[in-house]
Amino acid sequence: MLFNITLFLYLAATIGYISYLITLKKPISTASTLTLVVSFILHAAAITVRYPELGHPPFLGIETLSFLAWTIVGIYLLVEWRYKVYVLGSIVSPLAFILLLLTIIIPEGEIHVPPYLRSVWFPLHVGFAFLGNAIFSLAFAAGVMYLIQEKQVKGHHLGGIYKRLPSLEVLDEINYMCLAIGFPLMTIGIITGFAWAKSAWGTFWVVNPRAISSLVTWLLYATLLYGRSTVGWRGRRAAVLAITGFLIMIATYFAINFILGGHAVK
């Protein structure tokens, strides 16, 4: 019931944020934000209530989509509070809605938790990784809006869309802020993953699709952070790389968890 109510509220927030993007009426953005805050609280309650039923943290199987959606919404609310960029909600709310919808409609078989997943390092590894991924999702949203806004500026079409989106400077700042915070969290996630692998298999590195994809994603974001810090990569290039990194991360997530089966044995 809590999941269904949360799903409905995510949909309501999506409609609200899109309506604000069209009308730019402040009461609509306020109502949308309040709806998303309530959704975030109810979603947290749903995850908490479901934990005893599952018998494991929401880091396995289809439940990871729900946890990712909740984390993304939480990070977005902080960004919205800091930058007042309500239009980003028109991307974040639909993303959260889709992730939670997939959690509800995709059947989940019984998950048997192997002993190596009961290590204390596993929730630390996944928790930090999910925080990094959630923050990178905001960089993705800012990157998409940056490209749209840049097209308006370069084409001298300073009309309705231009007025509705944040400035290129603000979007680029959000992109960099997300990268500067998300990358250390992803790095901690990888380090705790090494510790987990050592405790589970006696080696710091286990060659599997998940480890390889994590390393590739980390290298991509490391390159972007290095480029911004030393070479001065900004604007379009940073936006494109942020979008690319997030799409690779999402694609490998679905491939590993729902095609290759992830870690869990069902």
C-alpha atoms as a PDB file:
ATOM      1  CA  MET A   1       0.000   0.000   0.000  1.00  0.00           C
ATOM      2  CA  LEU A   2       2.798   2.434   0.899  1.00  0.00           C
ATOM      3  CA  PHE A   3       4.595   1.669  -2.352  1.00  0.00           C
ATOM      4  CA  ASN A   4       1.399   2.265  -4.348  1.00  0.00           C
ATOM      5  CA  ILE A   5       0.685   5.561  -2.596  1.00  0.00           C
ATOM      6  CA  THR A   6       4.280   6.656  -3.141  1.00  0.00           C
ATOM      7  CA  LEU A   7       4.044   5.727  -6.821  1.00  0.00           C
ATOM      8  CA  PHE A   8       0.898   7.832  -7.181  1.00  0.00           C
ATOM      9  CA  LEU A   9       2.560  10.797  -5.452  1.00  0.00           C
ATOM     10  CA  TYR A  10       5.638  10.516  -7.695  1.00  0.00           C
ATOM     11  CA  LEU A  11       3.264  10.704 -10.661  1.00  0.00           C
ATOM     12  CA  ALA A  12       1.509  13.710  -9.126  1.00  0.00           C
ATOM     13  CA  ALA A  13       4.871  15.412  -8.550  1.00  0.00           C
ATOM     14  CA  THR A  14       5.838  14.677 -12.166  1.00  0.00           C
ATOM     15  CA  ILE A  15       2.661  16.330 -13.429  1.00  0.00           C
ATOM     16  CA  GLY A  16       3.236  19.257 -11.082  1.00  0.00           C
ATOM     17  CA  TYR A  17       6.857  19.877 -12.106  1.00  0.00           C
ATOM     18  CA  ILE A  18       6.012  19.626 -15.815  1.00  0.00           C
ATOM     19  CA  SER A  19       3.125  22.041 -15.257  1.00  0.00           C
ATOM     20  CA  TYR A  20       5.523  24.431 -13.547  1.00  0.00           C
ATOM     21  CA  LEU A  21       7.942  24.103 -16.466  1.00  0.00           C
ATOM     22  CA  ILE A  22       5.101  25.208 -18.752  1.00  0.00           C
ATOM     23  CA  THR A  23       3.529  27.925 -16.614  1.00  0.00           C
ATOM     24  CA  LEU A  24       6.342  29.057 -14.262  1.00  0.00           C
ATOM     25  CA  LYS A  25       3.727  29.663 -11.560  1.00  0.00           C
ATOM     26  CA  LYS A  26       5.315  29.605  -8.099  1.00  0.00           C
ATOM     27  CA  PRO A  27       2.370  27.927  -6.281  1.00  0.00           C
ATOM     28  CA  ILE A  28       2.688  24.937  -8.631  1.00  0.00           C
ATOM     29  CA  SER A  29       6.389  24.505  -7.854  1.00  0.00           C
ATOM     30  CA  THR A  30       5.670  24.773  -4.121  1.00  0.00           C
ATOM     31  CA  ALA A  31       2.931  22.152  -4.331  1.00  0.00           C
ATOM     32  CA  SER A  32       5.165  19.888  -6.417  1.00  0.00           C
ATOM     33  CA  THR A  33       8.005  20.138  -3.912  1.00  0.00           C
ATOM     34  CA  LEU A  34       5.693  19.383  -0.985  1.00  0.00           C
ATOM     35  CA  THR A  35       4.315  16.384  -2.880  1.00  0.00           C
ATOM     36  CA  LEU A  36       7.831  15.112  -3.521  1.00  0.00           C
ATOM     37  CA  VAL A  37       8.814  15.583   0.143  1.00  0.00           C
ATOM     38  CA  VAL A  38       5.785  13.554   1.264  1.00  0.00           C
ATOM     39  CA  SER A  39       6.641  10.942  -1.368  1.00  0.00           C
ATOM     40  CA  PHE A  40      10.200  10.724  -0.059  1.00  0.00           C
ATOM     41  CA  ILE A  41       8.999  10.203   3.526  1.00  0.00           C
ATOM     42  CA  LEU A  42       6.418   7.576   2.558  1.00  0.00           C
ATOM     43  CA  HIS A  43       8.965   5.815   0.372  1.00  0.00           C
ATOM     44  CA  ALA A  44      11.378   5.654   3.311  1.00  0.00           C
ATOM     45  CA  ALA A  45       8.589   4.181   5.445  1.00  0.00           C
ATOM     46  CA  ALA A  46       7.785   1.617   2.740  1.00  0.00           C
ATOM     47  CA  ILE A  47      11.413   0.503   2.494  1.00  0.00           C
ATOM     48  CA  THR A  48      11.676   0.271   6.288  1.00  0.00           C
ATOM     49  CA  VAL A  49       8.459  -1.744   6.659  1.00  0.00           C
ATOM     50  CA  ARG A  50       9.425  -4.075   3.827  1.00  0.00           C
ATOM     51  CA  TYR A  51      12.888  -4.818   5.239  1.00  0.00           C
ATOM     52  CA  PRO A  52      11.735  -7.482   7.783  1.00  0.00           C
ATOM     53  CA  GLU A  53       9.586  -9.086   5.106  1.00  0.00           C
ATOM     54  CA  LEU A  54      12.492  -9.377   2.703  1.00  0.00           C
ATOM     55  CA  GLY A  55      14.967 -10.564   5.306  1.00  0.00           C
ATOM     56  CA  HIS A  56      17.783  -8.575   3.667  1.00  0.00           C
ATOM     57  CA  PRO A  57      18.618  -4.910   2.920  1.00  0.00           C
ATOM     58  CA  PRO A  58      17.106  -3.400  -0.255  1.00  0.00           C
ATOM     59  CA  PHE A  59      20.363  -3.962  -2.116  1.00  0.00           C
ATOM     60  CA  LEU A  60      19.419  -7.136  -3.976  1.00  0.00           C
ATOM     61  CA  GLY A  61      17.236  -7.915  -6.976  1.00  0.00           C
ATOM     62  CA  ILE A  62      14.428  -5.640  -8.053  1.00  0.00           C
ATOM     63  CA  GLU A  63      14.360  -3.855  -4.682  1.00  0.00           C
ATOM     64  CA  THR A  64      17.500  -1.980  -5.683  1.00  0.00           C
ATOM     65  CA  LEU A  65      15.456   0.059  -8.159  1.00  0.00           C
ATOM     66  CA  SER A  66      13.226   1.281  -5.348  1.00  0.00           C
ATOM     67  CA  PHE A  67      16.216   2.175  -3.180  1.00  0.00           C
ATOM     68  CA  LEU A  68      17.859   4.003  -6.087  1.00  0.00           C
ATOM     69  CA  ALA A  69      14.665   5.997  -6.747  1.00  0.00           C
ATOM     70  CA  TRP A  70      14.423   6.987  -3.077  1.00  0.00           C
ATOM     71  CA  THR A  71      18.079   8.040  -2.966  1.00  0.00           C
ATOM     72  CA  ILE A  72      17.755  10.109  -6.155  1.00  0.00           C
ATOM     73  CA  VAL A  73      14.725  11.965  -4.790  1.00  0.00           C
ATOM     74  CA  GLY A  74      16.502  12.706  -1.509  1.00  0.00           C
ATOM     75  CA  ILE A  75      19.561  14.122  -3.268  1.00  0.00           C
ATOM     76  CA  TYR A  76      17.388  16.146  -5.633  1.00  0.00           C
ATOM     77  CA  LEU A  77      15.464  17.761  -2.770  1.00  0.00           C
ATOM     78  CA  LEU A  78      18.769  18.954  -1.320  1.00  0.00           C
ATOM     79  CA  VAL A  79      19.844  20.365  -4.697  1.00  0.00           C
ATOM     80  CA  GLU A  80      16.471  22.049  -5.183  1.00  0.00           C
ATOM     81  CA  TRP A  81      16.733  23.620  -1.733  1.00  0.00           C
ATOM     82  CA  ARG A  82      20.256  24.881  -2.480  1.00  0.00           C
ATOM     83  CA  TYR A  83      19.783  26.165  -6.046  1.00  0.00           C
ATOM     84  CA  LYS A  84      15.986  26.648  -6.362  1.00  0.00           C
ATOM     85  CA  VAL A  85      16.072  24.821  -9.701  1.00  0.00           C
ATOM     86  CA  TYR A  86      12.529  23.485  -9.646  1.00  0.00           C
ATOM     87  CA  VAL A  87      12.559  22.600 -13.337  1.00  0.00           C
ATOM     88  CA  LEU A  88      15.009  19.758 -12.657  1.00  0.00           C
ATOM     89  CA  GLY A  89      12.101  18.052 -10.935  1.00  0.00           C
ATOM     90  CA  SER A  90      10.556  17.535 -14.371  1.00  0.00           C
ATOM     91  CA  ILE A  91      13.361  15.028 -15.040  1.00  0.00           C
ATOM     92  CA  VAL A  92      13.939  13.620 -11.552  1.00  0.00           C
ATOM     93  CA  SER A  93      10.289  12.925 -10.662  1.00  0.00           C
ATOM     94  CA  PRO A  94       9.576  10.876 -13.832  1.00  0.00           C
ATOM     95  CA  LEU A  95      12.821   8.964 -13.272  1.00  0.00           C
ATOM     96  CA  ALA A  96      11.803   8.099  -9.700  1.00  0.00           C
ATOM     97  CA  PHE A  97       8.309   7.159 -10.898  1.00  0.00           C
ATOM     98  CA  ILE A  98       9.646   4.803 -13.583  1.00  0.00           C
ATOM     99  CA  LEU A  99      12.129   3.120 -11.220  1.00  0.00           C
ATOM    100  CA  LEU A 100       9.475   2.521  -8.560  1.00  0.00           C
ATOM    101  CA  LEU A 101       6.964   1.361 -11.183  1.00  0.00           C
ATOM    102  CA  LEU A 102       9.477  -1.229 -12.409  1.00  0.00           C
ATOM    103  CA  THR A 103       9.955  -2.353  -8.800  1.00  0.00           C
ATOM    104  CA  ILE A 104       6.226  -2.970  -8.481  1.00  0.00           C
ATOM    105  CA  ILE A 105       5.451  -4.579 -11.845  1.00  0.00           C
ATOM    106  CA  ILE A 106       8.540  -6.764 -12.388  1.00  0.00           C
ATOM    107  CA  PRO A 107       8.036 -10.093 -10.597  1.00  0.00           C
ATOM    108  CA  GLU A 108      10.617 -10.877  -7.941  1.00  0.00           C
ATOM    109  CA  GLY A 109      11.412 -14.489  -7.213  1.00  0.00           C
ATOM    110  CA  GLU A 110      12.675 -15.716  -3.890  1.00  0.00           C
ATOM    111  CA  ILE A 111      16.198 -14.510  -3.213  1.00  0.00           C
ATOM    112  CA  HIS A 112      18.602 -16.721  -1.312  1.00  0.00           C
ATOM    113  CA  VAL A 113      21.298 -14.555   0.217  1.00  0.00           C
ATOM    114  CA  PRO A 114      24.709 -16.257  -0.135  1.00  0.00           C
ATOM    115  CA  PRO A 115      27.085 -16.067   2.850  1.00  0.00           C
ATOM    116  CA  TYR A 116      29.429 -13.678   1.048  1.00  0.00           C
ATOM    117  CA  LEU A 117      26.626 -11.070   0.918  1.00  0.00           C
ATOM    118  CA  ARG A 118      26.219 -11.127   4.694  1.00  0.00           C
ATOM    119  CA  SER A 119      29.546  -9.363   5.197  1.00  0.00           C
ATOM    120  CA  VAL A 120      29.420  -5.989   6.955  1.00  0.00           C
ATOM    121  CA  TRP A 121      31.338  -4.561   3.986  1.00  0.00           C
ATOM    122  CA  PHE A 122      28.521  -5.306   1.533  1.00  0.00           C
ATOM    123  CA  PRO A 123      25.964  -2.705   2.749  1.00  0.00           C
ATOM    124  CA  LEU A 124      28.759  -0.139   3.102  1.00  0.00           C
ATOM    125  CA  HIS A 125      29.929  -0.833  -0.441  1.00  0.00           C
ATOM    126  CA  VAL A 126      26.448  -0.660  -1.951  1.00  0.00           C
ATOM    127  CA  GLY A 127      25.320   2.270   0.197  1.00  0.00           C
ATOM    128  CA  PHE A 128      28.181   4.542  -0.877  1.00  0.00           C
ATOM    129  CA  ALA A 129      27.863   3.386  -4.480  1.00  0.00           C
ATOM    130  CA  PHE A 130      24.141   4.204  -4.532  1.00  0.00           C
ATOM    131  CA  LEU A 131      24.742   7.638  -3.045  1.00  0.00           C
ATOM    132  CA  GLY A 132      27.284   8.347  -5.768  1.00  0.00           C
ATOM    133  CA  ASN A 133      24.924   7.052  -8.452  1.00  0.00           C
ATOM    134  CA  ALA A 134      22.055   9.179  -7.145  1.00  0.00           C
ATOM    135  CA  ILE A 135      24.197  12.308  -7.240  1.00  0.00           C
ATOM    136  CA  PHE A 136      25.369  11.475 -10.753  1.00  0.00           C
ATOM    137  CA  SER A 137      21.708  11.244 -11.792  1.00  0.00           C
ATOM    138  CA  LEU A 138      21.397  14.930 -10.899  1.00  0.00           C
ATOM    139  CA  ALA A 139      24.481  15.657 -13.016  1.00  0.00           C
ATOM    140  CA  PHE A 140      22.699  13.805 -15.823  1.00  0.00           C
ATOM    141  CA  ALA A 141      19.556  15.940 -15.424  1.00  0.00           C
ATOM    142  CA  ALA A 142      21.604  19.143 -15.326  1.00  0.00           C
ATOM    143  CA  GLY A 143      23.556  17.974 -18.373  1.00  0.00           C
ATOM    144  CA  VAL A 144      20.393  17.343 -20.391  1.00  0.00           C
ATOM    145  CA  MET A 145      19.043  20.788 -19.539  1.00  0.00           C
ATOM    146  CA  TYR A 146      22.427  22.362 -20.290  1.00  0.00           C
ATOM    147  CA  LEU A 147      22.396  20.977 -23.841  1.00  0.00           C
ATOM    148  CA  ILE A 148      18.821  22.182 -24.367  1.00  0.00           C
ATOM    149  CA  GLN A 149      19.625  25.637 -23.019  1.00  0.00           C
ATOM    150  CA  GLU A 150      22.855  25.867 -25.019  1.00  0.00           C
ATOM    151  CA  LYS A 151      20.950  25.093 -28.212  1.00  0.00           C
ATOM    152  CA  GLN A 152      18.561  27.940 -27.422  1.00  0.00           C
ATOM    153  CA  VAL A 153      21.427  30.372 -26.812  1.00  0.00           C
ATOM    154  CA  LYS A 154      23.498  29.413 -29.861  1.00  0.00           C
ATOM    155  CA  GLY A 155      20.433  29.461 -32.096  1.00  0.00           C
ATOM    156  CA  HIS A 156      19.375  32.821 -30.682  1.00  0.00           C
ATOM    157  CA  HIS A 157      15.967  31.316 -29.863  1.00  0.00           C
ATOM    158  CA  LEU A 158      15.628  33.077 -26.515  1.00  0.00           C
ATOM    159  CA  GLY A 159      11.980  32.238 -26.163  1.00  0.00           C
ATOM    160  CA  GLY A 160       9.821  30.190 -23.835  1.00  0.00           C
ATOM    161  CA  ILE A 161      12.231  27.311 -23.155  1.00  0.00           C
ATOM    162  CA  TYR A 162      15.153  29.684 -22.511  1.00  0.00           C
ATOM    163  CA  LYS A 163      13.175  31.577 -19.892  1.00  0.00           C
ATOM    164  CA  ARG A 164      12.073  28.389 -18.173  1.00  0.00           C
ATOM    165  CA  LEU A 165      15.481  26.775 -17.745  1.00  0.00           C
ATOM    166  CA  PRO A 166      18.290  27.854 -15.395  1.00  0.00           C
ATOM    167  CA  SER A 167      21.247  29.718 -16.870  1.00  0.00           C
ATOM    168  CA  LEU A 168      24.129  27.798 -18.413  1.00  0.00           C
ATOM    169  CA  GLU A 169      26.347  28.937 -15.526  1.00  0.00           C
ATOM    170  CA  VAL A 170      23.993  27.510 -12.882  1.00  0.00           C
ATOM    171  CA  LEU A 171      23.568  24.218 -14.734  1.00  0.00           C
ATOM    172  CA  ASP A 172      27.336  23.869 -15.167  1.00  0.00           C
ATOM    173  CA  GLU A 173      27.846  24.637 -11.469  1.00  0.00           C
ATOM    174  CA  ILE A 174      25.340  21.931 -10.502  1.00  0.00           C
ATOM    175  CA  ASN A 175      27.108  19.514 -12.826  1.00  0.00           C
ATOM    176  CA  TYR A 176      30.468  20.222 -11.187  1.00  0.00           C
ATOM    177  CA  MET A 177      29.029  20.123  -7.654  1.00  0.00           C
ATOM    178  CA  CYS A 178      27.487  16.703  -8.329  1.00  0.00           C
ATOM    179  CA  LEU A 179      30.757  15.436  -9.773  1.00  0.00           C
ATOM    180  CA  ALA A 180      32.851  16.800  -6.884  1.00  0.00           C
ATOM    181  CA  ILE A 181      30.603  15.114  -4.286  1.00  0.00           C
ATOM    182  CA  GLY A 182      29.556  11.996  -6.178  1.00  0.00           C
ATOM    183  CA  PHE A 183      33.035  10.901  -7.265  1.00  0.00           C
ATOM    184  CA  PRO A 184      34.484  10.578  -3.721  1.00  0.00           C
ATOM    185  CA  LEU A 185      31.384   8.614  -2.685  1.00  0.00           C
ATOM    186  CA  MET A 186      31.800   6.285  -5.666  1.00  0.00           C
ATOM    187  CA  THR A 187      35.493   5.927  -4.804  1.00  0.00           C
ATOM    188  CA  ILE A 188      34.642   4.964  -1.206  1.00  0.00           C
ATOM    189  CA  GLY A 189      32.134   2.487  -2.618  1.00  0.00           C
ATOM    190  CA  ILE A 190      34.853   0.885  -4.735  1.00  0.00           C
ATOM    191  CA  ILE A 191      37.334   0.791  -1.834  1.00  0.00           C
ATOM    192  CA  THR A 192      34.787  -0.867   0.462  1.00  0.00           C
ATOM    193  CA  GLY A 193      34.049  -3.204  -2.442  1.00  0.00           C
ATOM    194  CA  PHE A 194      37.705  -4.236  -2.424  1.00  0.00           C
ATOM    195  CA  ALA A 195      37.480  -4.854   1.330  1.00  0.00           C
ATOM    196  CA  TRP A 196      34.304  -6.877   0.807  1.00  0.00           C
ATOM    197  CA  ALA A 197      35.949  -8.977  -1.920  1.00  0.00           C
ATOM    198  CA  LYS A 198      38.937  -9.611   0.362  1.00  0.00           C
ATOM    199  CA  SER A 199      36.731 -10.783   3.238  1.00  0.00           C
ATOM    200  CA  ALA A 200      34.537 -12.915   0.966  1.00  0.00           C
ATOM    201  CA  TRP A 201      37.012 -14.466  -1.483  1.00  0.00           C
ATOM    202  CA  GLY A 202      40.443 -13.695  -0.041  1.00  0.00           C
ATOM    203  CA  THR A 203      41.405 -11.340  -2.869  1.00  0.00           C
ATOM    204  CA  PHE A 204      40.883  -7.625  -3.430  1.00  0.00           C
ATOM    205  CA  TRP A 205      39.841  -8.054  -7.063  1.00  0.00           C
ATOM    206  CA  VAL A 206      37.367 -10.503  -8.530  1.00  0.00           C
ATOM    207  CA  VAL A 207      37.002 -10.376 -12.301  1.00  0.00           C
ATOM    208  CA  ASN A 208      33.296 -10.218 -13.086  1.00  0.00           C
ATOM    209  CA  PRO A 209      31.018  -7.934 -15.142  1.00  0.00           C
ATOM    210  CA  ARG A 210      29.988  -5.878 -12.096  1.00  0.00           C
ATOM    211  CA  ALA A 211      33.576  -5.137 -11.060  1.00  0.00           C
ATOM    212  CA  ILE A 212      34.626  -4.294 -14.616  1.00  0.00           C
ATOM    213  CA  SER A 213      31.649  -1.994 -15.236  1.00  0.00           C
ATOM    214  CA  SER A 214      32.246  -0.223 -11.905  1.00  0.00           C
ATOM    215  CA  LEU A 215      35.878   0.370 -12.830  1.00  0.00           C
ATOM    216  CA  VAL A 216      34.963   1.680 -16.302  1.00  0.00           C
ATOM    217  CA  THR A 217      32.380   4.071 -14.837  1.00  0.00           C
ATOM    218  CA  TRP A 218      34.837   5.232 -12.182  1.00  0.00           C
ATOM    219  CA  LEU A 219      37.501   5.902 -14.822  1.00  0.00           C
ATOM    220  CA  LEU A 220      35.057   7.910 -16.919  1.00  0.00           C
ATOM    221  CA  TYR A 221      34.064  10.146 -14.002  1.00  0.00           C
ATOM    222  CA  ALA A 222      37.698  10.391 -12.897  1.00  0.00           C
ATOM    223  CA  THR A 223      38.594  11.615 -16.390  1.00  0.00           C
ATOM    224  CA  LEU A 224      35.795  14.174 -16.274  1.00  0.00           C
ATOM    225  CA  LEU A 225      36.845  15.431 -12.827  1.00  0.00           C
ATOM    226  CA  TYR A 226      40.502  15.614 -13.905  1.00  0.00           C
ATOM    227  CA  GLY A 227      39.537  17.465 -17.070  1.00  0.00           C
ATOM    228  CA  ARG A 228      37.493  20.008 -15.167  1.00  0.00           C
ATOM    229  CA  SER A 229      40.174  20.520 -12.514  1.00  0.00           C
ATOM    230  CA  THR A 230      43.238  20.780 -14.749  1.00  0.00           C
ATOM    231  CA  VAL A 231      42.286  21.323 -18.388  1.00  0.00           C
ATOM    232  CA  GLY A 232      39.215  23.430 -17.717  1.00  0.00           C
ATOM    233  CA  TRP A 233      36.576  21.191 -19.263  1.00  0.00           C
ATOM    234  CA  ARG A 234      33.281  22.953 -18.777  1.00  0.00           C
ATOM    235  CA  GLY A 235      29.986  23.454 -20.450  1.00  0.00           C
ATOM    236  CA  ARG A 236      28.975  21.170 -23.285  1.00  0.00           C
ATOM    237  CA  ARG A 237      31.832  18.667 -22.946  1.00  0.00           C
ATOM    238  CA  ALA A 238      31.198  18.234 -19.218  1.00  0.00           C
ATOM    239  CA  ALA A 239      27.454  17.883 -19.830  1.00  0.00           C
ATOM    240  CA  VAL A 240      27.934  15.239 -22.529  1.00  0.00           C
ATOM    241  CA  LEU A 241      30.333  13.211 -20.365  1.00  0.00           C
ATOM    242  CA  ALA A 242      27.985  13.417 -17.361  1.00  0.00           C
ATOM    243  CA  ILE A 243      25.110  12.151 -19.514  1.00  0.00           C
ATOM    244  CA  THR A 244      27.278   9.398 -21.016  1.00  0.00           C
ATOM    245  CA  GLY A 245      28.522   8.224 -17.626  1.00  0.00           C
ATOM    246  CA  PHE A 246      25.017   7.988 -16.198  1.00  0.00           C
ATOM    247  CA  LEU A 247      23.643   6.126 -19.245  1.00  0.00           C
ATOM    248  CA  ILE A 248      26.516   3.628 -19.083  1.00  0.00           C
ATOM    249  CA  MET A 249      25.900   3.171 -15.373  1.00  0.00           C
ATOM    250  CA  ILE A 250      22.162   2.536 -15.866  1.00  0.00           C
ATOM    251  CA  ALA A 251      22.709   0.224 -18.841  1.00  0.00           C
ATOM    252  CA  THR A 252      25.265  -1.920 -17.026  1.00  0.00           C
ATOM    253  CA  TYR A 253      23.047  -1.965 -13.913  1.00  0.00           C
ATOM    254  CA  PHE A 254      20.126  -3.476 -15.819  1.00  0.00           C
ATOM    255  CA  ALA A 255      22.368  -5.827 -17.803  1.00  0.00           C
ATOM    256  CA  ILE A 256      24.098  -7.185 -14.710  1.00  0.00           C
ATOM    257  CA  ASN A 257      21.103  -7.406 -12.375  1.00  0.00           C
ATOM    258  CA  PHE A 258      18.391  -8.574 -14.757  1.00  0.00           C
ATOM    259  CA  ILE A 259      20.253 -10.343 -17.559  1.00  0.00           C
ATOM    260  CA  LEU A 260      23.317 -11.770 -15.845  1.00  0.00           C
ATOM    261  CA  GLY A 261      21.547 -12.194 -12.528  1.00  0.00           C
ATOM    262  CA  GLY A 262      23.666  -9.930 -10.311  1.00  0.00           C
ATOM    263  CA  HIS A 263      25.066 -11.381  -7.100  1.00  0.00           C
ATOM    264  CA  ALA A 264      21.951 -13.028  -5.806  1.00  0.00           C
ATOM    265  CA  VAL A 265      21.099 -16.638  -6.488  1.00  0.00           C
ATOM    266  CA  LYS A 266      17.367 -16.930  -7.114  1.00  0.00           C
END
